[in-house]
Structure formats: structure tokens, C-alpha cells
Amino acid sequence: MNRRESLTFGASLVAGMAVAPAMRVLAETPDRQTMDSFWDVIKNRRSVRQFKPDPVPEEHLLKIVDAARMAPCAGNEQPWKFIIVQDKKLIEALKNECIQKIETNLKENKNLNGEAFKQELQKRVDQWVTGRLSAPAYIVVLTDNQREWPDYNKHDGPLAAGYLLLAARAFGYGTVYMTDSISVETTKKVLNIPDRYTRVCITPVGIPVEWPTKDKKALDDVIVRESF
């Protein structure tokens, strides 16, 4: 134990002696390995948009969804549904629908035609479709509009999705919280989603071709103490 660790442990021990027994146990016996692993997952989660074709085992996908369903929610209503998509034909159908939507939107631009149109179409397909739809599995997060308090879906849905993204990272998989890249209309059409459900997001799950490196703001830059 180095000096810094010794001081930290000593401070924890002193604090533990001054509080209730349950709190003393927490202060004296921190599970450092568990906490380190937890922070590794938090700090190393990144949005991934290019994946290797390696399949994701079923047990991993179920564990990831199991974590998502543990997210906090209003009134413990748990208004979620999670669609797990691994069928290559369905993934290809999602891809084709996305490409068709991009092509339709581009045709509204009268300044694009011929080779310029083809180049712009390919550019947008590469940017918004090819990488994002290269994963072997996808999970769609839905919320139920027929719950008792549907106004809370806008909070509960993203919370479940956040748990899902972190659980996937704990298994070593990349994800990305997608909304516009694959539209609600496209998802509902291809996956036959009933109207009672609102799609929160869809995320690929797979091994990244590479892990993106992006800096996060410093802690002091995001904290406001007491009030502005």
C-alpha cells in the first residue's frame, strides 16, 4: 500500500468509526476491484458506427437487455419492450429502406442529377447507413403508450437505453444511440411495431472495427455548486 492509499484507507477508517455500523462497513471495506471495473465501463463507453461481423452470443444479448430492464422508472411501471434483431434479412431490409429514404430526399434537390446525384447518394449512404448497419445485432428500445402514466415515457425510455449501452460496453461491445439515422417510420415498417409503442432508439451491438477516441469535458466544467 503506497502513501496515498494508506491515507485514503486511514481516512475511511476514521470516518467509519464515527457513523452507524452499516456505514462503517462500507467505509472500511470498499470493493475496489468492483468500483474500478465500474468506472472503466463508464469512462470507456463510446458511440461506435462501424462493426465487425462476429456474432453476438444470445446469452450476452439477454444479459444486456436484462440490465436495461433494471433501469429506474416512474411508479415502477417498467413500460419497456426491447426488440432484438439478428435476422440478416431484416437488417438488410432496414438498410434498403434507409437508402430509399435518402434517395427520395435527394431527388427533391433539383440541382443534383446524373453523376453528381450518384456521388452524393453514395456519400450519404456511406455516412449514415453502411457502417451503422454493419453490426450482427440490433436492439430497439420501445415504451408503451398505454401505461398508466405515459407522460413519463420520455424519461423512462432513455434511462433504459442508457443502462443498455453501458451493459453492452461491459461485455466489450460497441453501441450508438440512434434516432434519425434509422427513422421511426422505417423501424416500424420493417419490424411491424404496433402503434401503442413509441420507439426511443435503435442501437447496433457488435465488436467495433475500432474504438473511437473522444475527449470529454473536465469535471469542473460541468459542475455548478448550489446555484448559478
C-alpha atoms as a PDB file:
ATOM      1  CA  MET A   1       0.000   0.000   0.000  1.00  0.00           C
ATOM      2  CA  ASN A   2       1.522   3.330  -1.061  1.00  0.00           C
ATOM      3  CA  ARG A   3       1.291   6.541   0.979  1.00  0.00           C
ATOM      4  CA  ARG A   4      -1.758   7.868  -0.851  1.00  0.00           C
ATOM      5  CA  GLU A   5      -3.614   4.586  -0.453  1.00  0.00           C
ATOM      6  CA  SER A   6      -2.671   4.477   3.207  1.00  0.00           C
ATOM      7  CA  LEU A   7      -4.040   7.983   3.788  1.00  0.00           C
ATOM      8  CA  THR A   8      -7.225   7.152   1.941  1.00  0.00           C
ATOM      9  CA  PHE A   9      -7.732   3.966   3.914  1.00  0.00           C
ATOM     10  CA  GLY A  10      -6.970   5.747   7.173  1.00  0.00           C
ATOM     11  CA  ALA A  11      -9.492   8.479   6.414  1.00  0.00           C
ATOM     12  CA  SER A  12     -12.107   5.880   5.581  1.00  0.00           C
ATOM     13  CA  LEU A  13     -11.412   4.034   8.811  1.00  0.00           C
ATOM     14  CA  VAL A  14     -11.749   7.178  10.922  1.00  0.00           C
ATOM     15  CA  ALA A  15     -14.971   8.139   9.158  1.00  0.00           C
ATOM     16  CA  GLY A  16     -16.316   4.635   9.639  1.00  0.00           C
ATOM     17  CA  MET A  17     -15.785   4.797  13.391  1.00  0.00           C
ATOM     18  CA  ALA A  18     -17.928   7.924  13.608  1.00  0.00           C
ATOM     19  CA  VAL A  19     -21.046   6.691  11.770  1.00  0.00           C
ATOM     20  CA  ALA A  20     -23.617   3.937  12.039  1.00  0.00           C
ATOM     21  CA  PRO A  21     -22.439   0.304  11.792  1.00  0.00           C
ATOM     22  CA  ALA A  22     -23.799  -0.190   8.275  1.00  0.00           C
ATOM     23  CA  MET A  23     -21.984   2.888   7.016  1.00  0.00           C
ATOM     24  CA  ARG A  24     -18.830   1.795   8.837  1.00  0.00           C
ATOM     25  CA  VAL A  25     -18.807  -1.461   6.879  1.00  0.00           C
ATOM     26  CA  LEU A  26     -18.994   0.467   3.592  1.00  0.00           C
ATOM     27  CA  ALA A  27     -16.205   2.841   4.620  1.00  0.00           C
ATOM     28  CA  GLU A  28     -13.851   0.158   5.909  1.00  0.00           C
ATOM     29  CA  THR A  29     -14.290  -2.436   3.199  1.00  0.00           C
ATOM     30  CA  PRO A  30     -14.646  -0.776  -0.218  1.00  0.00           C
ATOM     31  CA  ASP A  31     -14.683  -3.271  -3.073  1.00  0.00           C
ATOM     32  CA  ARG A  32     -12.001  -1.512  -5.052  1.00  0.00           C
ATOM     33  CA  GLN A  33     -11.937  -4.040  -7.868  1.00  0.00           C
ATOM     34  CA  THR A  34     -15.678  -3.703  -8.448  1.00  0.00           C
ATOM     35  CA  MET A  35     -15.510   0.085  -8.411  1.00  0.00           C
ATOM     36  CA  ASP A  36     -12.536   0.150 -10.778  1.00  0.00           C
ATOM     37  CA  SER A  37     -14.367  -2.119 -13.203  1.00  0.00           C
ATOM     38  CA  PHE A  38     -17.479   0.046 -12.966  1.00  0.00           C
ATOM     39  CA  TRP A  39     -15.557   3.233 -13.754  1.00  0.00           C
ATOM     40  CA  ASP A  40     -13.730   1.536 -16.617  1.00  0.00           C
ATOM     41  CA  VAL A  41     -17.088   0.782 -18.249  1.00  0.00           C
ATOM     42  CA  ILE A  42     -18.355   4.325 -17.675  1.00  0.00           C
ATOM     43  CA  LYS A  43     -15.229   6.021 -18.997  1.00  0.00           C
ATOM     44  CA  ASN A  44     -14.686   3.737 -21.976  1.00  0.00           C
ATOM     45  CA  ARG A  45     -18.174   3.741 -23.466  1.00  0.00           C
ATOM     46  CA  ARG A  46     -18.104   5.322 -26.901  1.00  0.00           C
ATOM     47  CA  SER A  47     -20.506   5.700 -29.809  1.00  0.00           C
ATOM     48  CA  VAL A  48     -19.447   3.179 -32.455  1.00  0.00           C
ATOM     49  CA  ARG A  49     -20.543   3.315 -36.101  1.00  0.00           C
ATOM     50  CA  GLN A  50     -18.521   0.549 -37.779  1.00  0.00           C
ATOM     51  CA  PHE A  51     -18.624  -3.091 -36.710  1.00  0.00           C
ATOM     52  CA  LYS A  52     -17.021  -6.454 -37.330  1.00  0.00           C
ATOM     53  CA  PRO A  53     -19.346  -9.258 -38.492  1.00  0.00           C
ATOM     54  CA  ASP A  54     -18.602 -11.508 -35.486  1.00  0.00           C
ATOM     55  CA  PRO A  55     -21.907 -12.722 -33.986  1.00  0.00           C
ATOM     56  CA  VAL A  56     -23.008 -11.655 -30.514  1.00  0.00           C
ATOM     57  CA  PRO A  57     -23.902 -14.684 -28.339  1.00  0.00           C
ATOM     58  CA  GLU A  58     -27.541 -14.926 -27.324  1.00  0.00           C
ATOM     59  CA  GLU A  59     -26.658 -15.022 -23.638  1.00  0.00           C
ATOM     60  CA  HIS A  60     -24.840 -11.709 -23.968  1.00  0.00           C
ATOM     61  CA  LEU A  61     -27.792 -10.050 -25.674  1.00  0.00           C
ATOM     62  CA  LEU A  62     -30.143 -11.322 -22.975  1.00  0.00           C
ATOM     63  CA  LYS A  63     -27.858 -10.032 -20.222  1.00  0.00           C
ATOM     64  CA  ILE A  64     -27.683  -6.632 -21.908  1.00  0.00           C
ATOM     65  CA  VAL A  65     -31.468  -6.400 -22.098  1.00  0.00           C
ATOM     66  CA  ASP A  66     -31.721  -7.719 -18.552  1.00  0.00           C
ATOM     67  CA  ALA A  67     -29.611  -4.775 -17.420  1.00  0.00           C
ATOM     68  CA  ALA A  68     -31.785  -2.337 -19.382  1.00  0.00           C
ATOM     69  CA  ARG A  69     -34.954  -3.521 -17.688  1.00  0.00           C
ATOM     70  CA  MET A  70     -33.389  -2.738 -14.298  1.00  0.00           C
ATOM     71  CA  ALA A  71     -33.345   0.995 -15.056  1.00  0.00           C
ATOM     72  CA  PRO A  72     -35.332   3.335 -12.792  1.00  0.00           C
ATOM     73  CA  CYS A  73     -38.802   4.303 -13.942  1.00  0.00           C
ATOM     74  CA  ALA A  74     -41.823   6.251 -12.716  1.00  0.00           C
ATOM     75  CA  GLY A  75     -44.137   4.235 -10.489  1.00  0.00           C
ATOM     76  CA  ASN A  76     -42.161   1.061 -11.272  1.00  0.00           C
ATOM     77  CA  GLU A  77     -44.383   0.667 -14.339  1.00  0.00           C
ATOM     78  CA  GLN A  78     -41.475  -0.667 -16.438  1.00  0.00           C
ATOM     79  CA  PRO A  79     -43.084   0.446 -19.717  1.00  0.00           C
ATOM     80  CA  TRP A  80     -40.416  -1.094 -21.931  1.00  0.00           C
ATOM     81  CA  LYS A  81     -40.211  -3.530 -24.784  1.00  0.00           C
ATOM     82  CA  PHE A  82     -36.905  -4.497 -26.381  1.00  0.00           C
ATOM     83  CA  ILE A  83     -36.789  -5.917 -29.900  1.00  0.00           C
ATOM     84  CA  ILE A  84     -33.668  -7.996 -30.532  1.00  0.00           C
ATOM     85  CA  VAL A  85     -32.908  -8.148 -34.256  1.00  0.00           C
ATOM     86  CA  GLN A  86     -30.360 -10.623 -35.629  1.00  0.00           C
ATOM     87  CA  ASP A  87     -32.073 -11.824 -38.812  1.00  0.00           C
ATOM     88  CA  LYS A  88     -29.854 -10.745 -41.712  1.00  0.00           C
ATOM     89  CA  LYS A  89     -32.873 -10.319 -43.985  1.00  0.00           C
ATOM     90  CA  LEU A  90     -34.442  -7.846 -41.560  1.00  0.00           C
ATOM     91  CA  ILE A  91     -31.175  -5.935 -41.200  1.00  0.00           C
ATOM     92  CA  GLU A  92     -30.893  -5.793 -44.985  1.00  0.00           C
ATOM     93  CA  ALA A  93     -34.489  -4.563 -45.173  1.00  0.00           C
ATOM     94  CA  LEU A  94     -33.674  -1.774 -42.719  1.00  0.00           C
ATOM     95  CA  LYS A  95     -30.683  -0.857 -44.863  1.00  0.00           C
ATOM     96  CA  ASN A  96     -32.707  -0.791 -48.087  1.00  0.00           C
ATOM     97  CA  GLU A  97     -35.414   1.369 -46.518  1.00  0.00           C
ATOM     98  CA  CYS A  98     -32.802   3.835 -45.253  1.00  0.00           C
ATOM     99  CA  ILE A  99     -31.178   4.067 -48.686  1.00  0.00           C
ATOM    100  CA  GLN A 100     -34.545   4.575 -50.358  1.00  0.00           C
ATOM    101  CA  LYS A 101     -35.391   7.394 -47.933  1.00  0.00           C
ATOM    102  CA  ILE A 102     -32.057   9.120 -48.644  1.00  0.00           C
ATOM    103  CA  GLU A 103     -32.593   8.731 -52.384  1.00  0.00           C
ATOM    104  CA  THR A 104     -36.114  10.173 -52.150  1.00  0.00           C
ATOM    105  CA  ASN A 105     -34.871  13.183 -50.216  1.00  0.00           C
ATOM    106  CA  LEU A 106     -32.056  13.795 -52.690  1.00  0.00           C
ATOM    107  CA  LYS A 107     -34.431  13.745 -55.641  1.00  0.00           C
ATOM    108  CA  GLU A 108     -36.091  16.847 -54.200  1.00  0.00           C
ATOM    109  CA  ASN A 109     -32.835  18.699 -54.851  1.00  0.00           C
ATOM    110  CA  LYS A 110     -33.221  19.777 -58.497  1.00  0.00           C
ATOM    111  CA  ASN A 111     -29.555  20.796 -58.691  1.00  0.00           C
ATOM    112  CA  LEU A 112     -28.418  17.188 -58.394  1.00  0.00           C
ATOM    113  CA  ASN A 113     -28.583  14.902 -61.393  1.00  0.00           C
ATOM    114  CA  GLY A 114     -26.576  12.309 -63.237  1.00  0.00           C
ATOM    115  CA  GLU A 115     -23.138  11.590 -61.814  1.00  0.00           C
ATOM    116  CA  ALA A 116     -23.443  14.297 -59.141  1.00  0.00           C
ATOM    117  CA  PHE A 117     -26.596  12.616 -57.848  1.00  0.00           C
ATOM    118  CA  LYS A 118     -24.918   9.202 -57.724  1.00  0.00           C
ATOM    119  CA  GLN A 119     -21.887  10.567 -55.899  1.00  0.00           C
ATOM    120  CA  GLU A 120     -23.973  12.413 -53.315  1.00  0.00           C
ATOM    121  CA  LEU A 121     -26.181   9.371 -52.789  1.00  0.00           C
ATOM    122  CA  GLN A 122     -23.150   7.121 -52.214  1.00  0.00           C
ATOM    123  CA  LYS A 123     -21.610   9.686 -49.887  1.00  0.00           C
ATOM    124  CA  ARG A 124     -24.721   9.829 -47.708  1.00  0.00           C
ATOM    125  CA  VAL A 125     -25.192   6.067 -47.747  1.00  0.00           C
ATOM    126  CA  ASP A 126     -21.604   5.601 -46.595  1.00  0.00           C
ATOM    127  CA  GLN A 127     -22.023   8.266 -43.922  1.00  0.00           C
ATOM    128  CA  TRP A 128     -25.410   7.301 -42.499  1.00  0.00           C
ATOM    129  CA  VAL A 129     -26.132   3.691 -43.441  1.00  0.00           C
ATOM    130  CA  THR A 130     -23.260   1.377 -44.307  1.00  0.00           C
ATOM    131  CA  GLY A 131     -21.331   1.484 -41.031  1.00  0.00           C
ATOM    132  CA  ARG A 132     -24.304   1.764 -38.714  1.00  0.00           C
ATOM    133  CA  LEU A 133     -25.942  -1.260 -40.319  1.00  0.00           C
ATOM    134  CA  SER A 134     -22.815  -3.419 -40.336  1.00  0.00           C
ATOM    135  CA  ALA A 135     -23.410  -4.901 -36.863  1.00  0.00           C
ATOM    136  CA  PRO A 136     -24.606  -8.503 -36.347  1.00  0.00           C
ATOM    137  CA  ALA A 137     -27.337  -7.492 -33.872  1.00  0.00           C
ATOM    138  CA  TYR A 138     -29.636  -4.570 -33.069  1.00  0.00           C
ATOM    139  CA  ILE A 139     -31.781  -3.722 -30.087  1.00  0.00           C
ATOM    140  CA  VAL A 140     -34.791  -1.432 -30.434  1.00  0.00           C
ATOM    141  CA  VAL A 141     -35.982   0.288 -27.250  1.00  0.00           C
ATOM    142  CA  LEU A 142     -39.723   0.932 -27.077  1.00  0.00           C
ATOM    143  CA  THR A 143     -42.064   2.444 -24.494  1.00  0.00           C
ATOM    144  CA  ASP A 144     -45.722   1.582 -24.041  1.00  0.00           C
ATOM    145  CA  ASN A 145     -48.146   4.466 -24.639  1.00  0.00           C
ATOM    146  CA  GLN A 146     -50.922   2.557 -22.883  1.00  0.00           C
ATOM    147  CA  ARG A 147     -49.227   2.566 -19.485  1.00  0.00           C
ATOM    148  CA  GLU A 148     -50.969   4.339 -16.606  1.00  0.00           C
ATOM    149  CA  TRP A 149     -48.710   7.417 -16.815  1.00  0.00           C
ATOM    150  CA  PRO A 150     -47.496   7.663 -20.430  1.00  0.00           C
ATOM    151  CA  ASP A 151     -46.123  11.202 -19.943  1.00  0.00           C
ATOM    152  CA  TYR A 152     -43.161   9.662 -18.117  1.00  0.00           C
ATOM    153  CA  ASN A 153     -42.096   7.597 -21.136  1.00  0.00           C
ATOM    154  CA  LYS A 154     -39.869  10.451 -22.298  1.00  0.00           C
ATOM    155  CA  HIS A 155     -37.799   9.924 -19.135  1.00  0.00           C
ATOM    156  CA  ASP A 156     -38.052   6.175 -18.602  1.00  0.00           C
ATOM    157  CA  GLY A 157     -37.165   5.177 -22.169  1.00  0.00           C
ATOM    158  CA  PRO A 158     -33.785   6.939 -22.367  1.00  0.00           C
ATOM    159  CA  LEU A 159     -32.876   5.682 -18.883  1.00  0.00           C
ATOM    160  CA  ALA A 160     -33.357   2.086 -20.028  1.00  0.00           C
ATOM    161  CA  ALA A 161     -31.367   2.797 -23.185  1.00  0.00           C
ATOM    162  CA  GLY A 162     -28.523   4.232 -21.099  1.00  0.00           C
ATOM    163  CA  TYR A 163     -28.340   1.090 -18.987  1.00  0.00           C
ATOM    164  CA  LEU A 164     -28.342  -0.963 -22.190  1.00  0.00           C
ATOM    165  CA  LEU A 165     -25.404   0.948 -23.699  1.00  0.00           C
ATOM    166  CA  LEU A 166     -23.333   0.552 -20.536  1.00  0.00           C
ATOM    167  CA  ALA A 167     -24.127  -3.153 -20.194  1.00  0.00           C
ATOM    168  CA  ALA A 168     -23.059  -3.730 -23.796  1.00  0.00           C
ATOM    169  CA  ARG A 169     -19.767  -1.945 -23.119  1.00  0.00           C
ATOM    170  CA  ALA A 170     -19.180  -4.139 -20.072  1.00  0.00           C
ATOM    171  CA  PHE A 171     -19.276  -7.128 -22.441  1.00  0.00           C
ATOM    172  CA  GLY A 172     -16.850  -5.394 -24.802  1.00  0.00           C
ATOM    173  CA  TYR A 173     -19.402  -4.403 -27.462  1.00  0.00           C
ATOM    174  CA  GLY A 174     -19.872  -1.075 -29.162  1.00  0.00           C
ATOM    175  CA  THR A 175     -23.222   0.678 -29.493  1.00  0.00           C
ATOM    176  CA  VAL A 176     -24.633   4.007 -30.619  1.00  0.00           C
ATOM    177  CA  TYR A 177     -27.884   5.716 -29.594  1.00  0.00           C
ATOM    178  CA  MET A 178     -29.574   6.136 -32.990  1.00  0.00           C
ATOM    179  CA  THR A 179     -32.713   8.137 -33.683  1.00  0.00           C
ATOM    180  CA  ASP A 180     -32.596   9.894 -37.067  1.00  0.00           C
ATOM    181  CA  SER A 181     -30.116   7.561 -38.775  1.00  0.00           C
ATOM    182  CA  ILE A 182     -32.801   4.888 -38.908  1.00  0.00           C
ATOM    183  CA  SER A 183     -36.134   6.669 -38.804  1.00  0.00           C
ATOM    184  CA  VAL A 184     -39.087   5.744 -36.633  1.00  0.00           C
ATOM    185  CA  GLU A 185     -41.139   5.111 -39.768  1.00  0.00           C
ATOM    186  CA  THR A 186     -38.533   2.744 -41.193  1.00  0.00           C
ATOM    187  CA  THR A 187     -38.230   0.804 -37.939  1.00  0.00           C
ATOM    188  CA  LYS A 188     -41.988   0.478 -37.513  1.00  0.00           C
ATOM    189  CA  LYS A 189     -42.478  -0.638 -41.098  1.00  0.00           C
ATOM    190  CA  VAL A 190     -39.746  -3.276 -41.206  1.00  0.00           C
ATOM    191  CA  LEU A 191     -40.263  -4.630 -37.683  1.00  0.00           C
ATOM    192  CA  ASN A 192     -44.064  -4.365 -37.659  1.00  0.00           C
ATOM    193  CA  ILE A 193     -44.191  -2.356 -34.416  1.00  0.00           C
ATOM    194  CA  PRO A 194     -47.741  -1.752 -33.093  1.00  0.00           C
ATOM    195  CA  ASP A 195     -48.936   1.839 -32.731  1.00  0.00           C
ATOM    196  CA  ARG A 196     -49.190   1.537 -28.943  1.00  0.00           C
ATOM    197  CA  TYR A 197     -45.373   1.670 -28.737  1.00  0.00           C
ATOM    198  CA  THR A 198     -43.064   4.648 -29.184  1.00  0.00           C
ATOM    199  CA  ARG A 199     -39.582   3.946 -30.427  1.00  0.00           C
ATOM    200  CA  VAL A 200     -36.966   5.528 -28.166  1.00  0.00           C
ATOM    201  CA  CYS A 201     -33.908   4.479 -30.139  1.00  0.00           C
ATOM    202  CA  ILE A 202     -32.276   1.647 -32.023  1.00  0.00           C
ATOM    203  CA  THR A 203     -28.711   0.614 -31.355  1.00  0.00           C
ATOM    204  CA  PRO A 204     -26.343  -1.775 -33.114  1.00  0.00           C
ATOM    205  CA  VAL A 205     -24.491  -4.204 -30.863  1.00  0.00           C
ATOM    206  CA  GLY A 206     -21.194  -5.648 -32.018  1.00  0.00           C
ATOM    207  CA  ILE A 207     -17.424  -5.636 -31.875  1.00  0.00           C
ATOM    208  CA  PRO A 208     -16.114  -2.292 -33.142  1.00  0.00           C
ATOM    209  CA  VAL A 209     -13.752  -2.117 -36.090  1.00  0.00           C
ATOM    210  CA  GLU A 210     -12.005   0.377 -33.813  1.00  0.00           C
ATOM    211  CA  TRP A 211     -12.896   2.230 -30.635  1.00  0.00           C
ATOM    212  CA  PRO A 212     -13.387   5.965 -31.218  1.00  0.00           C
ATOM    213  CA  THR A 213     -11.316   8.313 -29.075  1.00  0.00           C
ATOM    214  CA  LYS A 214     -13.139  11.445 -27.998  1.00  0.00           C
ATOM    215  CA  ASP A 215     -12.342  13.765 -25.143  1.00  0.00           C
ATOM    216  CA  LYS A 216     -14.924  14.589 -22.509  1.00  0.00           C
ATOM    217  CA  LYS A 217     -15.234  17.915 -20.768  1.00  0.00           C
ATOM    218  CA  ALA A 218     -13.405  18.268 -17.459  1.00  0.00           C
ATOM    219  CA  LEU A 219     -15.481  17.626 -14.348  1.00  0.00           C
ATOM    220  CA  ASP A 220     -15.100  21.224 -13.181  1.00  0.00           C
ATOM    221  CA  ASP A 221     -16.542  22.433 -16.494  1.00  0.00           C
ATOM    222  CA  VAL A 222     -19.892  20.740 -15.901  1.00  0.00           C
ATOM    223  CA  ILE A 223     -20.441  21.284 -12.165  1.00  0.00           C
ATOM    224  CA  VAL A 224     -22.384  24.217 -10.737  1.00  0.00           C
ATOM    225  CA  ARG A 225     -22.412  24.299  -6.945  1.00  0.00           C
ATOM    226  CA  GLU A 226     -25.632  25.323  -5.224  1.00  0.00           C
ATOM    227  CA  SER A 227     -26.855  27.729  -7.942  1.00  0.00           C
ATOM    228  CA  PHE A 228     -25.783  29.768 -10.965  1.00  0.00           C
END
